[in-house]
Every structure is written in structure tokens, then in C-alpha cells.
Amino acid sequence: ETVAVETMKAGAHDYLLKDNLIRLVPAIEREIREAQVRAQNRNSEAQVRASEEKYRTLFESSRDAIVTLDPPSWKITSANPAALDMYGIRDEGELPLKALWEYSPELQPDGRRSRDKANEMAEMAMREGHVLFEWHHTRLDGEEFMTTVLLNRIELGEHRFLQATVRDETERLTLERQVRQSQKMESIGTLAGGVAHEINNPISGIMGYADLILKRIDPNSQAGEFA
């Protein structure tokens, strides 16, 4: 019995006496089943680690800012490097101290308070699963910039929270303004060309008739009589 106890402590799953070999086959079958379960568990753990590493890589390498928000205060619980860069934050520990709407001007372009509208968008995302909207944000240096925000509801067991993907639209809006300005100048050029064409046509006729008249006038006549 002492040997059996020590053997089990060492990791054996069973201890058989030679006069009780009838238990050998069931013991082997049980060991095979347990070995299969252990192999499946190791495989599952490896898959979980690979999945976590995959999504961690996506989270860290995304060019869009990604943050997670917990109800009911909607404080930031995690943020990727792009979020820190977007808001001009150097210390990662500083970001989770605030809600996302606190990195915003007091009022949004539609005149609504940022806090009230942010809470409404968060509640809508929790209710409907996701919501996409435009949002004015503010960097730590006070610079305001336009973004699009996608809120997705995430459920991990009983834990429900939001993931916010924030895209800085400054470059896109700048390009759009440049395109609009280019189109405006092109339209002005087309209009000017059309106006010039409409003016040149009658002027050309007037100049032609004036030239004919000048050719028919006697240069020696002070009264300008026709020759």
C-alpha cells in the first residue's frame, strides 16, 4: 500500500497487483481515454493561444484606433498604440482614466453635448449590436479633428462591453476639399470659356462688317462718303 500511494503521488493513474490482473484491460482503456482527453486539451489550449496571439497582433498593428469601453461609465479599459498616437498620449496609463467622449469638444457639430450624444450612441450599440457615426475628437494639444466611429457590442460569457474603432478622417476630408476646389475652378474655367465664346462670336461679326465699311469709305472724303 505504501508503494501504491507513492506511485500515485508520482503521477500514476492506477496501481495493479499481479494477483489482480483482471483490472489490467480496464486500466489500459481508461489510460487511453485520459491520454486522448489530455491531447485534446493541449490542442484546444494551443488553438486558444494562437487565436489570442492573432487578435492581439491585429489589435496592436491596426492603423485605426481601437479601444474597449465598459458600461455604465464607458471608461476606456484598453487601447492600442494607434489610439495613443491619435490623441497625442505618451503614457498608456493615462488613456483609461477617461471616457472616449472626454477626448472631444463640449459640443458636437450638430450642437448636442458630446457626453449626452456619446451615451446615446453607446446605448444604441449595446441594443442593436453596432452603430457607425461621425464624431469630433480633440487631441491633448487642443487640436480638433473629425473621425468616424464604429461601436461593436462584444460578449465574452456574461461580460458585455463595447469595442470602438476610430478612424481619423482628416486626410480624407482634406483630399475631398481639394477635389471640390479643383472641380470649382474647372467649372469657373468652363463658364469663362463659354462666356468668351458667346462674346467672341458677335464681336467677330462686328469687326468683319467694320472692316468692310472702312474699305468702302473714300479716304479723301471728310464727310466719310462711300466710294
C-alpha atoms as a PDB file:
ATOM      1  CA  GLU A   1       0.000   0.000   0.000  1.00  0.00           C
ATOM      2  CA  THR A   2       2.868   2.350   0.768  1.00  0.00           C
ATOM      3  CA  VAL A   3       4.335   1.721  -2.691  1.00  0.00           C
ATOM      4  CA  ALA A   4       0.911   2.250  -4.276  1.00  0.00           C
ATOM      5  CA  VAL A   5       0.443   5.583  -2.508  1.00  0.00           C
ATOM      6  CA  GLU A   6       3.905   6.802  -3.510  1.00  0.00           C
ATOM      7  CA  THR A   7       3.337   5.642  -7.078  1.00  0.00           C
ATOM      8  CA  MET A   8       0.030   7.512  -7.333  1.00  0.00           C
ATOM      9  CA  LYS A   9       1.654  10.626  -5.899  1.00  0.00           C
ATOM     10  CA  ALA A  10       4.322  10.348  -8.572  1.00  0.00           C
ATOM     11  CA  GLY A  11       1.659  10.595 -11.273  1.00  0.00           C
ATOM     12  CA  ALA A  12       0.443   7.069 -11.933  1.00  0.00           C
ATOM     13  CA  HIS A  13      -3.262   6.724 -12.565  1.00  0.00           C
ATOM     14  CA  ASP A  14      -3.552   3.218 -11.166  1.00  0.00           C
ATOM     15  CA  TYR A  15      -1.585   0.529  -9.331  1.00  0.00           C
ATOM     16  CA  LEU A  16      -2.187  -3.133 -10.085  1.00  0.00           C
ATOM     17  CA  LEU A  17      -1.110  -6.138  -8.080  1.00  0.00           C
ATOM     18  CA  LYS A  18      -0.029  -9.169 -10.036  1.00  0.00           C
ATOM     19  CA  ASP A  19      -2.739 -11.247  -8.456  1.00  0.00           C
ATOM     20  CA  ASN A  20      -5.413  -8.803  -9.709  1.00  0.00           C
ATOM     21  CA  LEU A  21      -4.580  -8.598 -13.404  1.00  0.00           C
ATOM     22  CA  ILE A  22      -8.256  -8.767 -14.318  1.00  0.00           C
ATOM     23  CA  ARG A  23      -8.215  -4.994 -13.890  1.00  0.00           C
ATOM     24  CA  LEU A  24      -5.403  -4.586 -16.416  1.00  0.00           C
ATOM     25  CA  VAL A  25      -7.553  -4.164 -19.540  1.00  0.00           C
ATOM     26  CA  PRO A  26      -9.975  -1.599 -17.998  1.00  0.00           C
ATOM     27  CA  ALA A  27      -6.987   0.318 -16.593  1.00  0.00           C
ATOM     28  CA  ILE A  28      -5.334   0.468 -20.017  1.00  0.00           C
ATOM     29  CA  GLU A  29      -8.588   1.551 -21.682  1.00  0.00           C
ATOM     30  CA  ARG A  30      -9.067   4.294 -19.091  1.00  0.00           C
ATOM     31  CA  GLU A  31      -5.497   5.489 -19.562  1.00  0.00           C
ATOM     32  CA  ILE A  32      -6.004   5.650 -23.332  1.00  0.00           C
ATOM     33  CA  ARG A  33      -9.168   7.727 -22.895  1.00  0.00           C
ATOM     34  CA  GLU A  34      -7.464  10.082 -20.473  1.00  0.00           C
ATOM     35  CA  ALA A  35      -4.485  10.439 -22.798  1.00  0.00           C
ATOM     36  CA  GLN A  36      -6.836  11.371 -25.629  1.00  0.00           C
ATOM     37  CA  VAL A  37      -8.551  13.948 -23.418  1.00  0.00           C
ATOM     38  CA  ARG A  38      -5.192  15.436 -22.440  1.00  0.00           C
ATOM     39  CA  ALA A  39      -4.168  15.630 -26.089  1.00  0.00           C
ATOM     40  CA  GLN A  40      -7.430  17.359 -26.999  1.00  0.00           C
ATOM     41  CA  ASN A  41      -6.984  19.813 -24.130  1.00  0.00           C
ATOM     42  CA  ARG A  42      -3.447  20.603 -25.242  1.00  0.00           C
ATOM     43  CA  ASN A  43      -4.667  21.122 -28.794  1.00  0.00           C
ATOM     44  CA  SER A  44      -7.506  23.377 -27.599  1.00  0.00           C
ATOM     45  CA  GLU A  45      -5.127  25.410 -25.447  1.00  0.00           C
ATOM     46  CA  ALA A  46      -2.756  25.792 -28.391  1.00  0.00           C
ATOM     47  CA  GLN A  47      -5.626  26.994 -30.590  1.00  0.00           C
ATOM     48  CA  VAL A  48      -6.731  29.473 -27.930  1.00  0.00           C
ATOM     49  CA  ARG A  49      -3.195  30.821 -27.598  1.00  0.00           C
ATOM     50  CA  ALA A  50      -2.861  31.095 -31.382  1.00  0.00           C
ATOM     51  CA  SER A  51      -6.206  32.891 -31.603  1.00  0.00           C
ATOM     52  CA  GLU A  52      -5.274  35.277 -28.797  1.00  0.00           C
ATOM     53  CA  GLU A  53      -1.935  35.987 -30.470  1.00  0.00           C
ATOM     54  CA  LYS A  54      -3.660  36.596 -33.808  1.00  0.00           C
ATOM     55  CA  TYR A  55      -6.147  39.091 -32.421  1.00  0.00           C
ATOM     56  CA  ARG A  56      -3.513  40.714 -30.240  1.00  0.00           C
ATOM     57  CA  THR A  57      -1.396  41.263 -33.359  1.00  0.00           C
ATOM     58  CA  LEU A  58      -4.375  42.727 -35.221  1.00  0.00           C
ATOM     59  CA  PHE A  59      -5.174  44.936 -32.223  1.00  0.00           C
ATOM     60  CA  GLU A  60      -1.619  46.210 -31.860  1.00  0.00           C
ATOM     61  CA  SER A  61      -0.874  46.702 -35.565  1.00  0.00           C
ATOM     62  CA  SER A  62      -4.156  48.340 -36.633  1.00  0.00           C
ATOM     63  CA  ARG A  63      -3.752  51.808 -38.126  1.00  0.00           C
ATOM     64  CA  ASP A  64      -7.181  52.711 -36.756  1.00  0.00           C
ATOM     65  CA  ALA A  65      -7.537  53.494 -33.076  1.00  0.00           C
ATOM     66  CA  ILE A  66      -9.168  50.618 -31.190  1.00  0.00           C
ATOM     67  CA  VAL A  67     -10.365  50.974 -27.607  1.00  0.00           C
ATOM     68  CA  THR A  68     -12.673  48.963 -25.369  1.00  0.00           C
ATOM     69  CA  LEU A  69     -15.332  50.611 -23.218  1.00  0.00           C
ATOM     70  CA  ASP A  70     -17.070  49.181 -20.170  1.00  0.00           C
ATOM     71  CA  PRO A  71     -20.576  50.138 -19.020  1.00  0.00           C
ATOM     72  CA  PRO A  72     -22.072  52.023 -17.370  1.00  0.00           C
ATOM     73  CA  SER A  73     -19.450  54.802 -17.233  1.00  0.00           C
ATOM     74  CA  TRP A  74     -17.991  53.827 -20.626  1.00  0.00           C
ATOM     75  CA  LYS A  75     -14.464  54.349 -19.332  1.00  0.00           C
ATOM     76  CA  ILE A  76     -11.687  53.144 -21.613  1.00  0.00           C
ATOM     77  CA  THR A  77     -10.334  49.792 -20.407  1.00  0.00           C
ATOM     78  CA  SER A  78      -7.761  49.137 -23.149  1.00  0.00           C
ATOM     79  CA  ALA A  79      -6.289  50.917 -26.149  1.00  0.00           C
ATOM     80  CA  ASN A  80      -3.923  50.060 -28.985  1.00  0.00           C
ATOM     81  CA  PRO A  81      -0.848  52.147 -29.961  1.00  0.00           C
ATOM     82  CA  ALA A  82      -2.790  53.877 -32.765  1.00  0.00           C
ATOM     83  CA  ALA A  83      -5.228  55.268 -30.182  1.00  0.00           C
ATOM     84  CA  LEU A  84      -2.408  56.710 -28.097  1.00  0.00           C
ATOM     85  CA  ASP A  85      -0.885  58.301 -31.201  1.00  0.00           C
ATOM     86  CA  MET A  86      -4.241  59.654 -32.411  1.00  0.00           C
ATOM     87  CA  TYR A  87      -4.953  61.514 -29.186  1.00  0.00           C
ATOM     88  CA  GLY A  88      -1.333  62.550 -28.617  1.00  0.00           C
ATOM     89  CA  ILE A  89      -0.948  60.486 -25.444  1.00  0.00           C
ATOM     90  CA  ARG A  90       2.516  59.367 -24.386  1.00  0.00           C
ATOM     91  CA  ASP A  91       1.651  57.433 -21.241  1.00  0.00           C
ATOM     92  CA  GLU A  92      -0.620  54.429 -21.893  1.00  0.00           C
ATOM     93  CA  GLY A  93      -1.821  54.534 -18.302  1.00  0.00           C
ATOM     94  CA  GLU A  94      -3.352  57.958 -18.904  1.00  0.00           C
ATOM     95  CA  LEU A  95      -5.904  56.885 -21.519  1.00  0.00           C
ATOM     96  CA  PRO A  96      -8.095  54.538 -19.442  1.00  0.00           C
ATOM     97  CA  LEU A  97      -8.699  57.284 -16.886  1.00  0.00           C
ATOM     98  CA  LYS A  98     -11.298  58.879 -19.156  1.00  0.00           C
ATOM     99  CA  ALA A  99     -14.293  58.047 -21.276  1.00  0.00           C
ATOM    100  CA  LEU A 100     -13.960  58.418 -25.025  1.00  0.00           C
ATOM    101  CA  TRP A 101     -16.249  61.464 -25.107  1.00  0.00           C
ATOM    102  CA  GLU A 102     -13.827  63.283 -22.789  1.00  0.00           C
ATOM    103  CA  TYR A 103     -11.404  63.442 -25.732  1.00  0.00           C
ATOM    104  CA  SER A 104     -13.948  65.624 -27.525  1.00  0.00           C
ATOM    105  CA  PRO A 105     -15.091  69.253 -27.609  1.00  0.00           C
ATOM    106  CA  GLU A 106     -18.015  70.116 -25.364  1.00  0.00           C
ATOM    107  CA  LEU A 107     -20.398  70.278 -28.316  1.00  0.00           C
ATOM    108  CA  GLN A 108     -20.587  68.231 -31.482  1.00  0.00           C
ATOM    109  CA  PRO A 109     -21.213  69.918 -34.903  1.00  0.00           C
ATOM    110  CA  ASP A 110     -24.951  69.257 -34.565  1.00  0.00           C
ATOM    111  CA  GLY A 111     -24.998  71.337 -31.360  1.00  0.00           C
ATOM    112  CA  ARG A 112     -25.507  68.406 -28.984  1.00  0.00           C
ATOM    113  CA  ARG A 113     -23.351  67.894 -25.893  1.00  0.00           C
ATOM    114  CA  SER A 114     -20.654  65.312 -26.544  1.00  0.00           C
ATOM    115  CA  ARG A 115     -21.408  63.461 -23.311  1.00  0.00           C
ATOM    116  CA  ASP A 116     -25.120  63.112 -23.995  1.00  0.00           C
ATOM    117  CA  LYS A 117     -24.642  62.020 -27.598  1.00  0.00           C
ATOM    118  CA  ALA A 118     -21.862  59.552 -26.680  1.00  0.00           C
ATOM    119  CA  ASN A 119     -24.084  57.874 -24.090  1.00  0.00           C
ATOM    120  CA  GLU A 120     -26.890  57.643 -26.639  1.00  0.00           C
ATOM    121  CA  MET A 121     -24.601  56.042 -29.239  1.00  0.00           C
ATOM    122  CA  ALA A 122     -23.258  53.579 -26.651  1.00  0.00           C
ATOM    123  CA  GLU A 123     -26.748  52.525 -25.596  1.00  0.00           C
ATOM    124  CA  MET A 124     -27.774  52.116 -29.237  1.00  0.00           C
ATOM    125  CA  ALA A 125     -24.758  49.902 -29.938  1.00  0.00           C
ATOM    126  CA  MET A 126     -25.489  47.750 -26.878  1.00  0.00           C
ATOM    127  CA  ARG A 127     -29.102  47.411 -28.008  1.00  0.00           C
ATOM    128  CA  GLU A 128     -28.605  46.876 -31.754  1.00  0.00           C
ATOM    129  CA  GLY A 129     -25.141  45.309 -31.796  1.00  0.00           C
ATOM    130  CA  HIS A 130     -23.302  48.070 -33.646  1.00  0.00           C
ATOM    131  CA  VAL A 131     -23.545  51.686 -34.751  1.00  0.00           C
ATOM    132  CA  LEU A 132     -21.465  53.864 -37.100  1.00  0.00           C
ATOM    133  CA  PHE A 133     -21.360  57.662 -36.815  1.00  0.00           C
ATOM    134  CA  GLU A 134     -19.178  60.744 -37.338  1.00  0.00           C
ATOM    135  CA  TRP A 135     -17.567  62.360 -34.330  1.00  0.00           C
ATOM    136  CA  HIS A 136     -15.426  65.389 -33.498  1.00  0.00           C
ATOM    137  CA  HIS A 137     -12.491  64.484 -31.248  1.00  0.00           C
ATOM    138  CA  THR A 138      -9.799  66.580 -29.561  1.00  0.00           C
ATOM    139  CA  ARG A 139      -6.125  65.772 -29.136  1.00  0.00           C
ATOM    140  CA  LEU A 140      -4.327  66.608 -25.912  1.00  0.00           C
ATOM    141  CA  ASP A 141      -2.844  69.710 -27.556  1.00  0.00           C
ATOM    142  CA  GLY A 142      -6.371  71.015 -28.221  1.00  0.00           C
ATOM    143  CA  GLU A 143      -6.488  70.264 -31.953  1.00  0.00           C
ATOM    144  CA  GLU A 144      -9.931  69.154 -33.113  1.00  0.00           C
ATOM    145  CA  PHE A 145     -10.301  66.545 -35.832  1.00  0.00           C
ATOM    146  CA  MET A 146     -13.141  64.650 -37.486  1.00  0.00           C
ATOM    147  CA  THR A 147     -13.442  60.872 -37.160  1.00  0.00           C
ATOM    148  CA  THR A 148     -15.788  58.047 -37.948  1.00  0.00           C
ATOM    149  CA  VAL A 149     -16.527  55.753 -35.004  1.00  0.00           C
ATOM    150  CA  LEU A 150     -17.760  52.163 -35.221  1.00  0.00           C
ATOM    151  CA  LEU A 151     -19.090  50.766 -31.942  1.00  0.00           C
ATOM    152  CA  ASN A 152     -19.454  46.973 -31.755  1.00  0.00           C
ATOM    153  CA  ARG A 153     -21.028  45.064 -28.883  1.00  0.00           C
ATOM    154  CA  ILE A 154     -18.739  42.292 -27.619  1.00  0.00           C
ATOM    155  CA  GLU A 155     -19.946  39.422 -25.453  1.00  0.00           C
ATOM    156  CA  LEU A 156     -17.469  37.223 -23.579  1.00  0.00           C
ATOM    157  CA  GLY A 157     -19.521  34.932 -21.409  1.00  0.00           C
ATOM    158  CA  GLU A 158     -21.582  37.195 -19.184  1.00  0.00           C
ATOM    159  CA  HIS A 159     -19.285  40.174 -19.785  1.00  0.00           C
ATOM    160  CA  ARG A 160     -20.747  42.638 -22.312  1.00  0.00           C
ATOM    161  CA  PHE A 161     -18.791  45.687 -23.424  1.00  0.00           C
ATOM    162  CA  LEU A 162     -18.103  47.862 -26.480  1.00  0.00           C
ATOM    163  CA  GLN A 163     -15.205  47.938 -28.885  1.00  0.00           C
ATOM    164  CA  ALA A 164     -14.741  51.300 -30.590  1.00  0.00           C
ATOM    165  CA  THR A 165     -12.843  51.541 -33.874  1.00  0.00           C
ATOM    166  CA  VAL A 166     -11.969  55.194 -34.505  1.00  0.00           C
ATOM    167  CA  ARG A 167     -10.675  56.382 -37.884  1.00  0.00           C
ATOM    168  CA  ASP A 168      -9.103  59.808 -38.325  1.00  0.00           C
ATOM    169  CA  GLU A 169     -10.751  61.341 -41.405  1.00  0.00           C
ATOM    170  CA  THR A 170      -8.518  64.444 -41.567  1.00  0.00           C
ATOM    171  CA  GLU A 171      -6.619  63.280 -44.646  1.00  0.00           C
ATOM    172  CA  ARG A 172      -9.774  62.153 -46.446  1.00  0.00           C
ATOM    173  CA  LEU A 173     -11.580  65.424 -45.742  1.00  0.00           C
ATOM    174  CA  THR A 174      -8.530  67.413 -46.906  1.00  0.00           C
ATOM    175  CA  LEU A 175      -8.466  65.479 -50.189  1.00  0.00           C
ATOM    176  CA  GLU A 176     -12.206  65.984 -50.619  1.00  0.00           C
ATOM    177  CA  ARG A 177     -11.810  69.747 -50.119  1.00  0.00           C
ATOM    178  CA  GLN A 178      -9.002  69.783 -52.674  1.00  0.00           C
ATOM    179  CA  VAL A 179     -11.142  67.849 -55.158  1.00  0.00           C
ATOM    180  CA  ARG A 180     -14.090  70.208 -54.606  1.00  0.00           C
ATOM    181  CA  GLN A 181     -11.822  73.217 -55.077  1.00  0.00           C
ATOM    182  CA  SER A 182     -10.405  71.695 -58.253  1.00  0.00           C
ATOM    183  CA  GLN A 183     -13.901  70.994 -59.559  1.00  0.00           C
ATOM    184  CA  LYS A 184     -14.946  74.539 -58.672  1.00  0.00           C
ATOM    185  CA  MET A 185     -12.016  76.033 -60.584  1.00  0.00           C
ATOM    186  CA  GLU A 186     -12.726  73.721 -63.511  1.00  0.00           C
ATOM    187  CA  SER A 187     -16.355  74.879 -63.566  1.00  0.00           C
ATOM    188  CA  ILE A 188     -15.270  78.527 -63.461  1.00  0.00           C
ATOM    189  CA  GLY A 189     -12.870  77.883 -66.349  1.00  0.00           C
ATOM    190  CA  THR A 190     -15.620  76.202 -68.374  1.00  0.00           C
ATOM    191  CA  LEU A 191     -18.003  79.076 -67.656  1.00  0.00           C
ATOM    192  CA  ALA A 192     -15.396  81.665 -68.599  1.00  0.00           C
ATOM    193  CA  GLY A 193     -14.647  79.799 -71.830  1.00  0.00           C
ATOM    194  CA  GLY A 194     -18.354  79.668 -72.684  1.00  0.00           C
ATOM    195  CA  VAL A 195     -18.825  83.373 -71.949  1.00  0.00           C
ATOM    196  CA  ALA A 196     -15.792  84.249 -74.062  1.00  0.00           C
ATOM    197  CA  HIS A 197     -17.136  82.136 -76.908  1.00  0.00           C
ATOM    198  CA  GLU A 198     -20.553  83.826 -76.754  1.00  0.00           C
ATOM    199  CA  ILE A 199     -18.908  87.270 -76.754  1.00  0.00           C
ATOM    200  CA  ASN A 200     -16.360  86.492 -79.483  1.00  0.00           C
ATOM    201  CA  ASN A 201     -18.977  85.376 -81.994  1.00  0.00           C
ATOM    202  CA  PRO A 202     -20.855  88.691 -82.276  1.00  0.00           C
ATOM    203  CA  ILE A 203     -17.638  90.700 -81.914  1.00  0.00           C
ATOM    204  CA  SER A 204     -16.127  88.809 -84.836  1.00  0.00           C
ATOM    205  CA  GLY A 205     -19.142  89.736 -86.973  1.00  0.00           C
ATOM    206  CA  ILE A 206     -18.964  93.387 -85.912  1.00  0.00           C
ATOM    207  CA  MET A 207     -15.245  93.566 -86.668  1.00  0.00           C
ATOM    208  CA  GLY A 208     -15.812  91.962 -90.082  1.00  0.00           C
ATOM    209  CA  TYR A 209     -18.505  94.467 -91.060  1.00  0.00           C
ATOM    210  CA  ALA A 210     -16.433  97.359 -89.694  1.00  0.00           C
ATOM    211  CA  ASP A 211     -13.516  96.256 -91.887  1.00  0.00           C
ATOM    212  CA  LEU A 212     -15.757  96.154 -94.953  1.00  0.00           C
ATOM    213  CA  ILE A 213     -17.104  99.614 -94.179  1.00  0.00           C
ATOM    214  CA  LEU A 214     -13.579 101.005 -93.778  1.00  0.00           C
ATOM    215  CA  LYS A 215     -12.586  99.594 -97.160  1.00  0.00           C
ATOM    216  CA  ARG A 216     -15.591 101.269 -98.873  1.00  0.00           C
ATOM    217  CA  ILE A 217     -15.074 104.708 -97.363  1.00  0.00           C
ATOM    218  CA  ASP A 218     -13.200 107.247 -99.555  1.00  0.00           C
ATOM    219  CA  PRO A 219     -10.111 108.256 -97.521  1.00  0.00           C
ATOM    220  CA  ASN A 220     -10.161 111.715 -99.217  1.00  0.00           C
ATOM    221  CA  SER A 221     -13.728 112.463 -98.196  1.00  0.00           C
ATOM    222  CA  GLN A 222     -14.020 114.445 -94.964  1.00  0.00           C
ATOM    223  CA  ALA A 223     -17.676 113.512 -94.695  1.00  0.00           C
ATOM    224  CA  GLY A 224     -16.802 109.833 -94.855  1.00  0.00           C
ATOM    225  CA  GLU A 225     -18.683 109.243 -98.107  1.00  0.00           C
ATOM    226  CA  PHE A 226     -18.701 105.763 -99.595  1.00  0.00           C
ATOM    227  CA  ALA A 227     -16.544 105.319-102.650  1.00  0.00           C
END
